[in-house]
Amino acid sequence: MHHFADINWLAVVVATVSSFALGGIWYGPLFSKAWMKLTGMTKEKGAEASMAVTFGGTFALNLLIAIAIALLTGPHAGLHAGLHTGLFSAFFFVATSIGVIYLFEQRPLRLWLINAGYQVVNFSIMGSIIGAWP
């Protein structure tokens, strides 16, 4: 296991910020209509939420993800190892865990594909950034 002293904190912060860019695209032009329909979310309901809590919480959670990926990959991983760490972590742990919950909640497959797909791409980008950063 690697240590916190081995973490490239700038790479972790950039990886964390990248999740916002991806989320803006993923839940914006790519899948916003389908996601909103499948979740019952409306623009009005979204406007009622505290943006500080939503975006602050999202930043904090994605920061924890990036730190975990950095600890798993180590300080000299490289792009390939970082990509694989992010991809495998998201697909085999996150997407499958979300899938189990969705099965019991009887949520639509399409919603799982949107949400789990985001996480797989998000973790893969984060891992790539962290792994490739010198």
Protein backbone atom coordinates (compact mmCIF):
# COMPACT_ATOMS: atom_id res chain seq x y z
CA MET A 1 0.00 0.00 0.00
CA HIS A 2 1.20 3.45 -0.80
CA HIS A 3 1.27 6.33 1.65
CA PHE A 4 -0.22 9.82 1.72
CA ALA A 5 3.30 11.22 1.36
CA ASP A 6 3.46 9.57 -2.08
CA ILE A 7 0.41 11.42 -3.40
CA ASN A 8 0.79 14.07 -6.09
CA TRP A 9 -1.77 16.48 -4.66
CA LEU A 10 -1.88 18.70 -7.74
CA ALA A 11 -2.79 15.69 -9.90
CA VAL A 12 -5.46 14.71 -7.35
CA VAL A 13 -7.03 18.19 -7.44
CA VAL A 14 -6.95 18.30 -11.26
CA ALA A 15 -8.52 14.83 -11.38
CA THR A 16 -11.21 15.99 -8.96
CA VAL A 17 -12.00 19.06 -11.04
CA SER A 18 -12.14 16.91 -14.18
CA SER A 19 -15.16 15.12 -12.73
CA PHE A 20 -17.10 18.39 -12.85
CA ALA A 21 -16.26 18.90 -16.52
CA LEU A 22 -17.30 15.34 -17.33
CA GLY A 23 -20.45 15.63 -15.21
CA GLY A 24 -21.44 18.82 -16.99
CA ILE A 25 -21.20 17.05 -20.34
CA TRP A 26 -22.59 13.68 -19.21
CA TYR A 27 -25.60 14.97 -17.32
CA GLY A 28 -25.95 17.93 -19.67
CA PRO A 29 -26.02 17.54 -23.43
CA LEU A 30 -25.41 13.77 -23.48
CA PHE A 31 -27.99 12.36 -21.06
CA SER A 32 -29.90 15.17 -19.29
CA LYS A 33 -33.29 14.45 -20.86
CA ALA A 34 -33.13 10.70 -20.30
CA TRP A 35 -31.69 11.06 -16.78
CA MET A 36 -34.31 13.60 -15.74
CA LYS A 37 -37.13 11.46 -17.10
CA LEU A 38 -35.83 8.28 -15.43
CA THR A 39 -35.26 9.93 -12.05
CA GLY A 40 -38.29 12.21 -12.03
CA MET A 41 -35.98 15.21 -11.58
CA THR A 42 -37.17 18.57 -12.86
CA LYS A 43 -35.33 21.85 -13.29
CA GLU A 44 -37.59 23.34 -10.63
CA LYS A 45 -36.78 20.58 -8.15
CA GLY A 46 -33.08 20.95 -8.88
CA ALA A 47 -33.26 24.69 -8.29
CA GLU A 48 -34.68 24.06 -4.80
CA ALA A 49 -31.52 22.21 -3.69
CA SER A 50 -28.65 23.96 -1.97
CA MET A 51 -25.96 24.35 -4.63
CA ALA A 52 -23.32 24.73 -1.91
CA VAL A 53 -24.25 21.35 -0.43
CA THR A 54 -24.65 19.65 -3.81
CA PHE A 55 -21.44 20.91 -5.41
CA GLY A 56 -19.43 21.06 -2.18
CA GLY A 57 -20.41 17.50 -1.33
CA THR A 58 -19.69 16.37 -4.89
CA PHE A 59 -16.24 17.97 -4.75
CA ALA A 60 -15.45 16.35 -1.39
CA LEU A 61 -16.58 12.89 -2.51
CA ASN A 62 -14.72 13.09 -5.82
CA LEU A 63 -11.65 14.28 -3.93
CA LEU A 64 -11.84 11.12 -1.80
CA ILE A 65 -12.14 9.03 -4.97
CA ALA A 66 -9.08 10.73 -6.48
CA ILE A 67 -7.07 10.21 -3.27
CA ALA A 68 -8.01 6.51 -3.26
CA ILE A 69 -6.99 6.13 -6.90
CA ALA A 70 -3.68 7.87 -6.14
CA LEU A 71 -3.06 5.53 -3.22
CA LEU A 72 -3.90 2.48 -5.34
CA THR A 73 -1.75 3.48 -8.31
CA GLY A 74 1.27 4.78 -6.44
CA PRO A 75 3.61 7.62 -7.32
CA HIS A 76 5.15 6.15 -10.51
CA ALA A 77 2.24 4.31 -12.09
CA GLY A 78 2.07 5.83 -15.55
CA LEU A 79 -0.92 6.46 -17.79
CA HIS A 80 -1.70 2.80 -18.50
CA ALA A 81 -1.72 1.71 -14.86
CA GLY A 82 -3.69 4.79 -13.79
CA LEU A 83 -6.30 4.17 -16.48
CA HIS A 84 -6.64 0.52 -15.52
CA THR A 85 -6.87 1.30 -11.81
CA GLY A 86 -9.68 3.78 -12.41
CA LEU A 87 -11.47 1.61 -14.97
CA PHE A 88 -11.33 -1.61 -12.97
CA SER A 89 -12.22 0.09 -9.67
CA ALA A 90 -15.28 1.74 -11.17
CA PHE A 91 -16.48 -1.18 -13.24
CA PHE A 92 -15.90 -4.02 -10.79
CA PHE A 93 -16.71 -2.21 -7.52
CA VAL A 94 -18.84 0.87 -8.19
CA ALA A 95 -20.94 -0.12 -11.21
CA THR A 96 -21.63 -3.57 -9.84
CA SER A 97 -22.57 -2.20 -6.41
CA ILE A 98 -24.91 0.33 -7.97
CA GLY A 99 -26.32 -2.52 -10.08
CA VAL A 100 -27.22 -4.58 -7.02
CA ILE A 101 -29.03 -1.61 -5.48
CA TYR A 102 -30.84 -0.88 -8.74
CA LEU A 103 -32.01 -4.50 -8.98
CA PHE A 104 -33.61 -4.36 -5.53
CA GLU A 105 -35.05 -0.90 -6.14
CA GLN A 106 -36.30 -2.09 -9.54
CA ARG A 107 -34.78 0.88 -11.28
CA PRO A 108 -34.49 0.87 -15.07
CA LEU A 109 -31.44 -0.60 -16.79
CA ARG A 110 -31.09 2.61 -18.78
CA LEU A 111 -30.66 4.64 -15.58
CA TRP A 112 -27.98 2.22 -14.39
CA LEU A 113 -26.20 2.57 -17.73
CA ILE A 114 -26.22 6.36 -17.41
CA ASN A 115 -25.12 6.55 -13.77
CA ALA A 116 -22.70 3.63 -13.71
CA GLY A 117 -21.35 4.67 -17.11
CA TYR A 118 -20.55 8.11 -15.74
CA GLN A 119 -18.62 6.59 -12.85
CA VAL A 120 -16.65 4.23 -15.11
CA VAL A 121 -15.63 7.11 -17.39
CA ASN A 122 -15.04 9.43 -14.42
CA PHE A 123 -12.77 6.99 -12.57
CA SER A 124 -10.94 6.18 -15.81
CA ILE A 125 -10.21 9.85 -16.50
CA MET A 126 -9.17 10.44 -12.90
CA GLY A 127 -6.86 7.43 -12.95
CA SER A 128 -5.36 8.52 -16.25
CA ILE A 129 -4.63 12.01 -14.93
CA ILE A 130 -3.15 10.73 -11.69
CA GLY A 131 -1.15 7.96 -13.36
CA ALA A 132 0.24 10.11 -16.17
CA TRP A 133 1.13 13.12 -14.02
CA PRO A 134 4.93 13.35 -13.65
